[in-house]
Amino acid sequence: MPESPQCWINGELVTQNEAKVSVFDHGFLYGDGVFEGIRFFNKQPFMLHEHLVRLRKSAKAIALEVPYDNQAILNAIEQVIHNFAEDSGYLRLIVTRGVGPLGLDPTGCIKPSLFIMADQLAIVSERIRTAGVKLIIASTRRLPNDGLDSRIKSLNYLNQILARMEANQAGADEAVLLNQAGRVAEGTTENIFIVVEGKLLTPPTTEGALDGITRNLVIQLAQQNGISVAESPLTSYDLYNADECFLTGTGAELIAVRKIDGRRVNACPGPVFQQLERYYRNRIAA
């Protein structure tokens, strides 16, 4: 009988209780690494190609070699999913610089590590998902792209954690981070969309938004189904006055927003969101 959750560590499949990572791994010591989150449905990983492309781009951007080719990673993923107790769930792929001596210099790390984990991930409860989430605009700002490019999915999420703590303290479900110019970047783990007079808008990656896989799929689904969509810089004013607002992400999937800083969004869930949610579910089923 498969056990849950499952972990694959540098070629070895183990249970959660058996999983061990060295305290000298630079991913643990310094957040020196990159990761991907991947949904799987009916034992099949969703948008796997796109996630592996982004993983390798993130790794290349920080001069980190992914220690396995795509076929080996696919084989490992299939092994993890096969041994997972449920048909659908969430995968986390982590590539670290590997074990090395104390100190920031990465040259002492001889071999990168790859970890793959399968578990369940619920960003919000089903009750909150149905009602729509409450957002705040955090005082914590998104790291600027000239400090850490937002297209790199790095292991360091302290910036987002601080923003999420603000949301917790305010009794909200999620936080929106602004960039250094005061414009909207993204949520702590999601991209953000608004609808204004039937037009779908989302910040470009140059504003500090992650180049999200689900974000890009939603843009594609909108274009294929006659929904006007554009990347556009947004401000808090735009969020407050939007007809609809929703979040997208691998973990979140699509979640409607009902309040932003206490201001009620006009429609939650709105008609554009409901259309896109239906198209998204159809894509999964296909």
C-alpha atoms as a PDB file:
ATOM      1  CA  MET A   1       0.000   0.000   0.000  1.00  0.00           C
ATOM      2  CA  PRO A   2       1.553   3.354  -1.022  1.00  0.00           C
ATOM      3  CA  GLU A   3       2.449   5.710   1.786  1.00  0.00           C
ATOM      4  CA  SER A   4       1.920   9.465   1.910  1.00  0.00           C
ATOM      5  CA  PRO A   5       3.822  11.753   1.561  1.00  0.00           C
ATOM      6  CA  GLN A   6       6.694  10.501  -0.592  1.00  0.00           C
ATOM      7  CA  CYS A   7      10.208  11.919  -1.065  1.00  0.00           C
ATOM      8  CA  TRP A   8      12.851  11.246  -3.707  1.00  0.00           C
ATOM      9  CA  ILE A   9      16.326  12.351  -2.595  1.00  0.00           C
ATOM     10  CA  ASN A  10      19.188  12.124  -5.093  1.00  0.00           C
ATOM     11  CA  GLY A  11      17.908   8.878  -6.557  1.00  0.00           C
ATOM     12  CA  GLU A  12      16.448   7.230  -3.460  1.00  0.00           C
ATOM     13  CA  LEU A  13      12.699   6.985  -2.749  1.00  0.00           C
ATOM     14  CA  VAL A  14      11.904   7.322   0.951  1.00  0.00           C
ATOM     15  CA  THR A  15       8.980   8.212   3.199  1.00  0.00           C
ATOM     16  CA  GLN A  16       8.676  11.548   4.968  1.00  0.00           C
ATOM     17  CA  ASN A  17      10.024  10.094   8.211  1.00  0.00           C
ATOM     18  CA  GLU A  18      13.026   8.593   6.433  1.00  0.00           C
ATOM     19  CA  ALA A  19      13.906  11.725   4.452  1.00  0.00           C
ATOM     20  CA  LYS A  20      17.165  13.370   5.517  1.00  0.00           C
ATOM     21  CA  VAL A  21      19.073  16.368   4.160  1.00  0.00           C
ATOM     22  CA  SER A  22      22.522  17.398   5.368  1.00  0.00           C
ATOM     23  CA  VAL A  23      22.657  20.480   7.576  1.00  0.00           C
ATOM     24  CA  PHE A  24      25.669  21.478   5.451  1.00  0.00           C
ATOM     25  CA  ASP A  25      23.598  21.632   2.265  1.00  0.00           C
ATOM     26  CA  HIS A  26      23.810  25.219   1.016  1.00  0.00           C
ATOM     27  CA  GLY A  27      20.124  25.146   0.163  1.00  0.00           C
ATOM     28  CA  PHE A  28      19.465  24.769   3.890  1.00  0.00           C
ATOM     29  CA  LEU A  29      22.249  27.097   5.034  1.00  0.00           C
ATOM     30  CA  TYR A  30      21.765  29.984   2.609  1.00  0.00           C
ATOM     31  CA  GLY A  31      18.691  29.336   0.468  1.00  0.00           C
ATOM     32  CA  ASP A  32      21.098  28.637  -2.406  1.00  0.00           C
ATOM     33  CA  GLY A  33      18.852  26.819  -4.826  1.00  0.00           C
ATOM     34  CA  VAL A  34      15.717  26.902  -6.939  1.00  0.00           C
ATOM     35  CA  PHE A  35      12.436  25.010  -6.951  1.00  0.00           C
ATOM     36  CA  GLU A  36       9.232  24.234  -8.809  1.00  0.00           C
ATOM     37  CA  GLY A  37       5.758  23.278  -7.624  1.00  0.00           C
ATOM     38  CA  ILE A  38       3.789  21.001  -9.951  1.00  0.00           C
ATOM     39  CA  ARG A  39       0.206  19.769  -9.657  1.00  0.00           C
ATOM     40  CA  PHE A  40      -0.664  16.235 -10.694  1.00  0.00           C
ATOM     41  CA  PHE A  41      -4.138  14.945 -11.506  1.00  0.00           C
ATOM     42  CA  ASN A  42      -5.091  11.292 -12.006  1.00  0.00           C
ATOM     43  CA  LYS A  43      -1.407  10.374 -11.511  1.00  0.00           C
ATOM     44  CA  GLN A  44      -0.346  12.709 -14.370  1.00  0.00           C
ATOM     45  CA  PRO A  45       1.830  15.817 -13.816  1.00  0.00           C
ATOM     46  CA  PHE A  46       0.200  18.979 -15.200  1.00  0.00           C
ATOM     47  CA  MET A  47       2.207  21.386 -17.395  1.00  0.00           C
ATOM     48  CA  LEU A  48       5.368  19.395 -16.645  1.00  0.00           C
ATOM     49  CA  HIS A  49       7.323  20.592 -19.683  1.00  0.00           C
ATOM     50  CA  GLU A  50       6.748  24.244 -18.807  1.00  0.00           C
ATOM     51  CA  HIS A  51       7.795  23.676 -15.198  1.00  0.00           C
ATOM     52  CA  LEU A  52      11.010  21.870 -16.160  1.00  0.00           C
ATOM     53  CA  VAL A  53      11.904  24.636 -18.624  1.00  0.00           C
ATOM     54  CA  ARG A  54      11.466  27.243 -15.888  1.00  0.00           C
ATOM     55  CA  LEU A  55      13.410  25.132 -13.380  1.00  0.00           C
ATOM     56  CA  ARG A  56      16.389  24.965 -15.726  1.00  0.00           C
ATOM     57  CA  LYS A  57      16.186  28.674 -16.526  1.00  0.00           C
ATOM     58  CA  SER A  58      16.110  29.542 -12.813  1.00  0.00           C
ATOM     59  CA  ALA A  59      19.084  27.257 -12.202  1.00  0.00           C
ATOM     60  CA  LYS A  60      21.066  28.662 -15.124  1.00  0.00           C
ATOM     61  CA  ALA A  61      20.433  32.211 -13.923  1.00  0.00           C
ATOM     62  CA  ILE A  62      22.222  31.420 -10.645  1.00  0.00           C
ATOM     63  CA  ALA A  63      24.924  29.273 -12.321  1.00  0.00           C
ATOM     64  CA  LEU A  64      23.528  26.073 -10.800  1.00  0.00           C
ATOM     65  CA  GLU A  65      23.557  22.793 -12.721  1.00  0.00           C
ATOM     66  CA  VAL A  66      20.482  20.577 -12.500  1.00  0.00           C
ATOM     67  CA  PRO A  67      22.100  17.195 -11.750  1.00  0.00           C
ATOM     68  CA  TYR A  68      19.714  15.034 -13.826  1.00  0.00           C
ATOM     69  CA  ASP A  69      18.396  15.220 -17.382  1.00  0.00           C
ATOM     70  CA  ASN A  70      14.680  15.619 -18.055  1.00  0.00           C
ATOM     71  CA  GLN A  71      14.089  11.917 -18.693  1.00  0.00           C
ATOM     72  CA  ALA A  72      15.655  10.973 -15.365  1.00  0.00           C
ATOM     73  CA  ILE A  73      13.551  13.628 -13.623  1.00  0.00           C
ATOM     74  CA  LEU A  74      10.415  12.339 -15.362  1.00  0.00           C
ATOM     75  CA  ASN A  75      11.226   8.789 -14.242  1.00  0.00           C
ATOM     76  CA  ALA A  76      11.697  10.008 -10.667  1.00  0.00           C
ATOM     77  CA  ILE A  77       8.421  11.946 -10.766  1.00  0.00           C
ATOM     78  CA  GLU A  78       6.559   8.891 -12.060  1.00  0.00           C
ATOM     79  CA  GLN A  79       8.056   6.811  -9.253  1.00  0.00           C
ATOM     80  CA  VAL A  80       7.034   9.344  -6.615  1.00  0.00           C
ATOM     81  CA  ILE A  81       3.496   9.708  -7.983  1.00  0.00           C
ATOM     82  CA  HIS A  82       3.055   5.939  -8.338  1.00  0.00           C
ATOM     83  CA  ASN A  83       3.959   5.444  -4.672  1.00  0.00           C
ATOM     84  CA  PHE A  84       1.789   8.334  -3.466  1.00  0.00           C
ATOM     85  CA  ALA A  85      -1.430   7.232  -1.775  1.00  0.00           C
ATOM     86  CA  GLU A  86      -3.740   9.520  -3.757  1.00  0.00           C
ATOM     87  CA  ASP A  87      -4.357  10.099  -7.459  1.00  0.00           C
ATOM     88  CA  SER A  88      -3.943  13.871  -7.310  1.00  0.00           C
ATOM     89  CA  GLY A  89      -1.630  16.097  -5.312  1.00  0.00           C
ATOM     90  CA  TYR A  90       1.291  18.486  -5.403  1.00  0.00           C
ATOM     91  CA  LEU A  91       4.951  17.923  -6.277  1.00  0.00           C
ATOM     92  CA  ARG A  92       7.839  20.046  -5.063  1.00  0.00           C
ATOM     93  CA  LEU A  93      11.116  19.831  -7.001  1.00  0.00           C
ATOM     94  CA  ILE A  94      14.125  21.413  -5.295  1.00  0.00           C
ATOM     95  CA  VAL A  95      17.634  21.815  -6.697  1.00  0.00           C
ATOM     96  CA  THR A  96      20.274  23.012  -4.232  1.00  0.00           C
ATOM     97  CA  ARG A  97      23.952  23.860  -4.595  1.00  0.00           C
ATOM     98  CA  GLY A  98      24.617  20.777  -2.490  1.00  0.00           C
ATOM     99  CA  VAL A  99      26.741  20.012   0.546  1.00  0.00           C
ATOM    100  CA  GLY A 100      29.709  22.281   1.211  1.00  0.00           C
ATOM    101  CA  PRO A 101      31.707  23.994   3.947  1.00  0.00           C
ATOM    102  CA  LEU A 102      30.338  26.883   5.987  1.00  0.00           C
ATOM    103  CA  GLY A 103      30.636  30.188   4.155  1.00  0.00           C
ATOM    104  CA  LEU A 104      28.905  31.710   1.147  1.00  0.00           C
ATOM    105  CA  ASP A 105      31.506  30.647  -1.437  1.00  0.00           C
ATOM    106  CA  PRO A 106      29.746  27.995  -3.567  1.00  0.00           C
ATOM    107  CA  THR A 107      32.942  26.536  -5.040  1.00  0.00           C
ATOM    108  CA  GLY A 108      33.199  24.092  -2.135  1.00  0.00           C
ATOM    109  CA  CYS A 109      29.876  22.511  -3.093  1.00  0.00           C
ATOM    110  CA  ILE A 110      30.945  19.577  -5.234  1.00  0.00           C
ATOM    111  CA  LYS A 111      27.602  18.143  -6.371  1.00  0.00           C
ATOM    112  CA  PRO A 112      24.124  19.723  -6.591  1.00  0.00           C
ATOM    113  CA  SER A 113      21.202  17.922  -4.954  1.00  0.00           C
ATOM    114  CA  LEU A 114      17.729  17.192  -6.321  1.00  0.00           C
ATOM    115  CA  PHE A 115      14.780  16.539  -4.026  1.00  0.00           C
ATOM    116  CA  ILE A 116      11.253  15.637  -5.179  1.00  0.00           C
ATOM    117  CA  MET A 117       8.336  15.491  -2.751  1.00  0.00           C
ATOM    118  CA  ALA A 118       4.666  14.603  -3.183  1.00  0.00           C
ATOM    119  CA  ASP A 119       2.013  15.750  -0.739  1.00  0.00           C
ATOM    120  CA  GLN A 120      -1.246  17.673  -0.595  1.00  0.00           C
ATOM    121  CA  LEU A 121      -1.263  21.468  -0.671  1.00  0.00           C
ATOM    122  CA  ALA A 122      -4.290  23.628   0.083  1.00  0.00           C
ATOM    123  CA  ILE A 123      -3.512  27.348  -0.092  1.00  0.00           C
ATOM    124  CA  VAL A 124      -6.939  28.135   1.379  1.00  0.00           C
ATOM    125  CA  SER A 125      -9.830  26.051   2.686  1.00  0.00           C
ATOM    126  CA  GLU A 126     -12.685  25.115   0.359  1.00  0.00           C
ATOM    127  CA  ARG A 127     -14.966  27.413   2.361  1.00  0.00           C
ATOM    128  CA  ILE A 128     -12.705  30.404   1.740  1.00  0.00           C
ATOM    129  CA  ARG A 129     -12.146  29.411  -1.890  1.00  0.00           C
ATOM    130  CA  THR A 130     -15.905  29.386  -2.463  1.00  0.00           C
ATOM    131  CA  ALA A 131     -16.465  32.740  -0.738  1.00  0.00           C
ATOM    132  CA  GLY A 132     -13.390  34.431  -2.212  1.00  0.00           C
ATOM    133  CA  VAL A 133     -10.260  35.573  -0.408  1.00  0.00           C
ATOM    134  CA  LYS A 134      -9.583  38.793   1.459  1.00  0.00           C
ATOM    135  CA  LEU A 135      -6.389  40.605   0.469  1.00  0.00           C
ATOM    136  CA  ILE A 136      -4.312  43.326   2.019  1.00  0.00           C
ATOM    137  CA  ILE A 137      -1.623  45.377   0.343  1.00  0.00           C
ATOM    138  CA  ALA A 138       1.472  44.695   2.428  1.00  0.00           C
ATOM    139  CA  SER A 139       4.007  47.271   3.545  1.00  0.00           C
ATOM    140  CA  THR A 140       6.708  44.703   2.728  1.00  0.00           C
ATOM    141  CA  ARG A 141       7.892  45.376  -0.817  1.00  0.00           C
ATOM    142  CA  ARG A 142       8.831  42.897  -3.534  1.00  0.00           C
ATOM    143  CA  LEU A 143      12.576  42.561  -3.968  1.00  0.00           C
ATOM    144  CA  PRO A 144      13.651  44.644  -6.988  1.00  0.00           C
ATOM    145  CA  ASN A 145      14.627  42.796 -10.164  1.00  0.00           C
ATOM    146  CA  ASP A 146      18.109  44.287 -10.035  1.00  0.00           C
ATOM    147  CA  GLY A 147      18.533  42.561  -6.660  1.00  0.00           C
ATOM    148  CA  LEU A 148      16.909  39.214  -7.461  1.00  0.00           C
ATOM    149  CA  ASP A 149      15.126  38.787 -10.780  1.00  0.00           C
ATOM    150  CA  SER A 150      11.508  37.769 -10.152  1.00  0.00           C
ATOM    151  CA  ARG A 151      11.769  35.155 -12.912  1.00  0.00           C
ATOM    152  CA  ILE A 152      14.128  33.137 -10.687  1.00  0.00           C
ATOM    153  CA  LYS A 153      12.101  30.810  -8.475  1.00  0.00           C
ATOM    154  CA  SER A 154      14.627  30.783  -5.652  1.00  0.00           C
ATOM    155  CA  LEU A 155      14.463  29.067  -2.271  1.00  0.00           C
ATOM    156  CA  ASN A 156      14.515  32.402  -0.446  1.00  0.00           C
ATOM    157  CA  TYR A 157      10.910  33.394   0.347  1.00  0.00           C
ATOM    158  CA  LEU A 158      11.515  35.451   3.489  1.00  0.00           C
ATOM    159  CA  ASN A 159      10.250  38.568   1.724  1.00  0.00           C
ATOM    160  CA  GLN A 160       6.946  36.857   0.935  1.00  0.00           C
ATOM    161  CA  ILE A 161       6.732  35.284   4.395  1.00  0.00           C
ATOM    162  CA  LEU A 162       6.923  38.722   6.016  1.00  0.00           C
ATOM    163  CA  ALA A 163       4.087  39.918   3.774  1.00  0.00           C
ATOM    164  CA  ARG A 164       2.017  36.837   4.636  1.00  0.00           C
ATOM    165  CA  MET A 165       2.566  37.568   8.331  1.00  0.00           C
ATOM    166  CA  GLU A 166       1.086  41.030   7.730  1.00  0.00           C
ATOM    167  CA  ALA A 167      -1.973  39.382   6.176  1.00  0.00           C
ATOM    168  CA  ASN A 168      -2.304  37.041   9.152  1.00  0.00           C
ATOM    169  CA  GLN A 169      -2.120  39.935  11.598  1.00  0.00           C
ATOM    170  CA  ALA A 170      -4.760  41.843   9.623  1.00  0.00           C
ATOM    171  CA  GLY A 171      -7.149  38.885   9.525  1.00  0.00           C
ATOM    172  CA  ALA A 172      -6.764  38.571   5.752  1.00  0.00           C
ATOM    173  CA  ASP A 173      -6.135  35.477   3.645  1.00  0.00           C
ATOM    174  CA  GLU A 174      -3.327  36.770   1.457  1.00  0.00           C
ATOM    175  CA  ALA A 175      -1.125  39.796   0.811  1.00  0.00           C
ATOM    176  CA  VAL A 176      -0.244  41.710  -2.336  1.00  0.00           C
ATOM    177  CA  LEU A 177       3.308  43.006  -2.633  1.00  0.00           C
ATOM    178  CA  LEU A 178       4.091  46.275  -4.371  1.00  0.00           C
ATOM    179  CA  ASN A 179       7.408  46.896  -6.101  1.00  0.00           C
ATOM    180  CA  GLN A 180       9.868  49.647  -5.223  1.00  0.00           C
ATOM    181  CA  ALA A 181       7.937  52.089  -7.430  1.00  0.00           C
ATOM    182  CA  GLY A 182       4.708  51.421  -5.515  1.00  0.00           C
ATOM    183  CA  ARG A 183       3.060  49.448  -8.311  1.00  0.00           C
ATOM    184  CA  VAL A 184       1.510  45.993  -7.981  1.00  0.00           C
ATOM    185  CA  ALA A 185       3.922  43.058  -8.327  1.00  0.00           C
ATOM    186  CA  GLU A 186       2.183  39.874  -7.151  1.00  0.00           C
ATOM    187  CA  GLY A 187       0.786  37.959  -4.196  1.00  0.00           C
ATOM    188  CA  THR A 188       3.077  36.087  -1.843  1.00  0.00           C
ATOM    189  CA  THR A 189       2.801  32.901  -3.915  1.00  0.00           C
ATOM    190  CA  GLU A 190       0.448  33.886  -6.736  1.00  0.00           C
ATOM    191  CA  ASN A 191       0.094  36.182  -9.704  1.00  0.00           C
ATOM    192  CA  ILE A 192      -2.769  38.658  -9.659  1.00  0.00           C
ATOM    193  CA  PHE A 193      -5.317  39.569 -12.341  1.00  0.00           C
ATOM    194  CA  ILE A 194      -8.053  42.180 -12.440  1.00  0.00           C
ATOM    195  CA  VAL A 195     -10.954  42.712 -14.824  1.00  0.00           C
ATOM    196  CA  VAL A 196     -11.905  46.246 -15.863  1.00  0.00           C
ATOM    197  CA  GLU A 197     -14.856  46.694 -18.243  1.00  0.00           C
ATOM    198  CA  GLY A 198     -14.447  43.152 -19.513  1.00  0.00           C
ATOM    199  CA  LYS A 199     -10.690  43.446 -20.098  1.00  0.00           C
ATOM    200  CA  LEU A 200      -8.281  41.173 -18.232  1.00  0.00           C
ATOM    201  CA  LEU A 201      -5.146  42.879 -16.869  1.00  0.00           C
ATOM    202  CA  THR A 202      -2.073  41.545 -15.050  1.00  0.00           C
ATOM    203  CA  PRO A 203       1.304  43.106 -14.185  1.00  0.00           C
ATOM    204  CA  PRO A 204       4.213  42.262 -16.515  1.00  0.00           C
ATOM    205  CA  THR A 205       7.198  40.384 -15.108  1.00  0.00           C
ATOM    206  CA  THR A 206       9.210  43.613 -15.302  1.00  0.00           C
ATOM    207  CA  GLU A 207       7.046  44.884 -12.423  1.00  0.00           C
ATOM    208  CA  GLY A 208       8.316  42.085 -10.158  1.00  0.00           C
ATOM    209  CA  ALA A 209       5.776  39.393 -11.023  1.00  0.00           C
ATOM    210  CA  LEU A 210       6.865  35.781 -11.308  1.00  0.00           C
ATOM    211  CA  ASP A 211       6.603  34.399 -14.828  1.00  0.00           C
ATOM    212  CA  GLY A 212       3.887  32.087 -13.572  1.00  0.00           C
ATOM    213  CA  ILE A 213       2.973  28.871 -15.389  1.00  0.00           C
ATOM    214  CA  THR A 214      -0.693  29.189 -14.388  1.00  0.00           C
ATOM    215  CA  ARG A 215      -0.571  32.917 -15.178  1.00  0.00           C
ATOM    216  CA  ASN A 216       0.625  32.182 -18.701  1.00  0.00           C
ATOM    217  CA  LEU A 217      -1.989  29.456 -19.137  1.00  0.00           C
ATOM    218  CA  VAL A 218      -4.763  31.851 -18.076  1.00  0.00           C
ATOM    219  CA  ILE A 219      -3.506  34.441 -20.584  1.00  0.00           C
ATOM    220  CA  GLN A 220      -3.502  31.752 -23.282  1.00  0.00           C
ATOM    221  CA  LEU A 221      -7.002  30.555 -22.375  1.00  0.00           C
ATOM    222  CA  ALA A 222      -8.285  34.135 -22.480  1.00  0.00           C
ATOM    223  CA  GLN A 223      -6.754  34.734 -25.910  1.00  0.00           C
ATOM    224  CA  GLN A 224      -8.158  31.459 -27.269  1.00  0.00           C
ATOM    225  CA  ASN A 225     -11.661  32.278 -26.059  1.00  0.00           C
ATOM    226  CA  GLY A 226     -12.063  35.891 -27.108  1.00  0.00           C
ATOM    227  CA  ILE A 227     -11.371  37.539 -23.741  1.00  0.00           C
ATOM    228  CA  SER A 228      -9.358  40.741 -24.086  1.00  0.00           C
ATOM    229  CA  VAL A 229      -6.146  40.439 -22.047  1.00  0.00           C
ATOM    230  CA  ALA A 230      -3.069  42.628 -21.592  1.00  0.00           C
ATOM    231  CA  GLU A 231      -0.014  42.957 -19.372  1.00  0.00           C
ATOM    232  CA  SER A 232      -0.179  46.377 -17.762  1.00  0.00           C
ATOM    233  CA  PRO A 233       1.355  48.177 -14.770  1.00  0.00           C
ATOM    234  CA  LEU A 234      -1.228  48.349 -11.972  1.00  0.00           C
ATOM    235  CA  THR A 235      -1.561  50.402  -8.804  1.00  0.00           C
ATOM    236  CA  SER A 236      -3.537  49.898  -5.622  1.00  0.00           C
ATOM    237  CA  TYR A 237      -6.116  52.308  -7.114  1.00  0.00           C
ATOM    238  CA  ASP A 238      -6.635  49.860  -9.987  1.00  0.00           C
ATOM    239  CA  LEU A 239      -7.161  46.980  -7.576  1.00  0.00           C
ATOM    240  CA  TYR A 240      -9.642  48.940  -5.456  1.00  0.00           C
ATOM    241  CA  ASN A 241     -11.719  49.867  -8.519  1.00  0.00           C
ATOM    242  CA  ALA A 242     -11.570  46.560 -10.399  1.00  0.00           C
ATOM    243  CA  ASP A 243     -14.774  44.835 -11.472  1.00  0.00           C
ATOM    244  CA  GLU A 244     -13.156  41.480 -10.675  1.00  0.00           C
ATOM    245  CA  CYS A 245      -9.915  40.321  -9.115  1.00  0.00           C
ATOM    246  CA  PHE A 246      -8.393  36.868  -8.814  1.00  0.00           C
ATOM    247  CA  LEU A 247      -5.152  35.059  -8.049  1.00  0.00           C
ATOM    248  CA  THR A 248      -3.411  32.331 -10.030  1.00  0.00           C
ATOM    249  CA  GLY A 249      -0.680  29.864  -9.144  1.00  0.00           C
ATOM    250  CA  THR A 250       0.202  26.192  -9.202  1.00  0.00           C
ATOM    251  CA  GLY A 251      -0.679  25.856  -5.540  1.00  0.00           C
ATOM    252  CA  ALA A 252      -3.598  28.279  -5.623  1.00  0.00           C
ATOM    253  CA  GLU A 253      -4.904  27.334  -9.087  1.00  0.00           C
ATOM    254  CA  LEU A 254      -7.542  30.103  -9.619  1.00  0.00           C
ATOM    255  CA  ILE A 255      -8.996  31.889  -6.582  1.00  0.00           C
ATOM    256  CA  ALA A 256     -11.460  34.787  -6.713  1.00  0.00           C
ATOM    257  CA  VAL A 257     -10.898  37.841  -4.498  1.00  0.00           C
ATOM    258  CA  ARG A 258     -13.787  39.418  -2.588  1.00  0.00           C
ATOM    259  CA  LYS A 259     -12.077  42.186  -0.594  1.00  0.00           C
ATOM    260  CA  ILE A 260      -8.903  44.257  -0.914  1.00  0.00           C
ATOM    261  CA  ASP A 261      -7.912  46.335   2.108  1.00  0.00           C
ATOM    262  CA  GLY A 262     -11.519  46.125   3.286  1.00  0.00           C
ATOM    263  CA  ARG A 263     -12.936  47.333  -0.040  1.00  0.00           C
ATOM    264  CA  ARG A 264     -15.395  44.903  -1.591  1.00  0.00           C
ATOM    265  CA  VAL A 265     -14.690  43.770  -5.147  1.00  0.00           C
ATOM    266  CA  ASN A 266     -17.706  44.387  -7.384  1.00  0.00           C
ATOM    267  CA  ALA A 267     -18.163  40.745  -8.450  1.00  0.00           C
ATOM    268  CA  CYS A 268     -16.877  37.634  -6.656  1.00  0.00           C
ATOM    269  CA  PRO A 269     -16.774  35.317  -8.422  1.00  0.00           C
ATOM    270  CA  GLY A 270     -17.232  37.441 -11.521  1.00  0.00           C
ATOM    271  CA  PRO A 271     -18.268  36.251 -14.990  1.00  0.00           C
ATOM    272  CA  VAL A 272     -14.771  36.441 -16.505  1.00  0.00           C
ATOM    273  CA  PHE A 273     -13.302  34.479 -13.594  1.00  0.00           C
ATOM    274  CA  GLN A 274     -16.003  31.827 -13.913  1.00  0.00           C
ATOM    275  CA  GLN A 275     -15.322  31.458 -17.633  1.00  0.00           C
ATOM    276  CA  LEU A 276     -11.583  31.087 -17.096  1.00  0.00           C
ATOM    277  CA  GLU A 277     -12.055  28.673 -14.208  1.00  0.00           C
ATOM    278  CA  ARG A 278     -14.179  26.487 -16.485  1.00  0.00           C
ATOM    279  CA  TYR A 279     -11.596  26.606 -19.285  1.00  0.00           C
ATOM    280  CA  TYR A 280      -8.853  25.760 -16.780  1.00  0.00           C
ATOM    281  CA  ARG A 281     -10.747  22.710 -15.471  1.00  0.00           C
ATOM    282  CA  ASN A 282     -11.386  21.584 -19.036  1.00  0.00           C
ATOM    283  CA  ARG A 283      -7.653  21.792 -19.772  1.00  0.00           C
ATOM    284  CA  ILE A 284      -6.899  19.614 -16.748  1.00  0.00           C
ATOM    285  CA  ALA A 285      -9.516  17.071 -17.821  1.00  0.00           C
ATOM    286  CA  ALA A 286      -8.011  16.954 -21.317  1.00  0.00           C
END
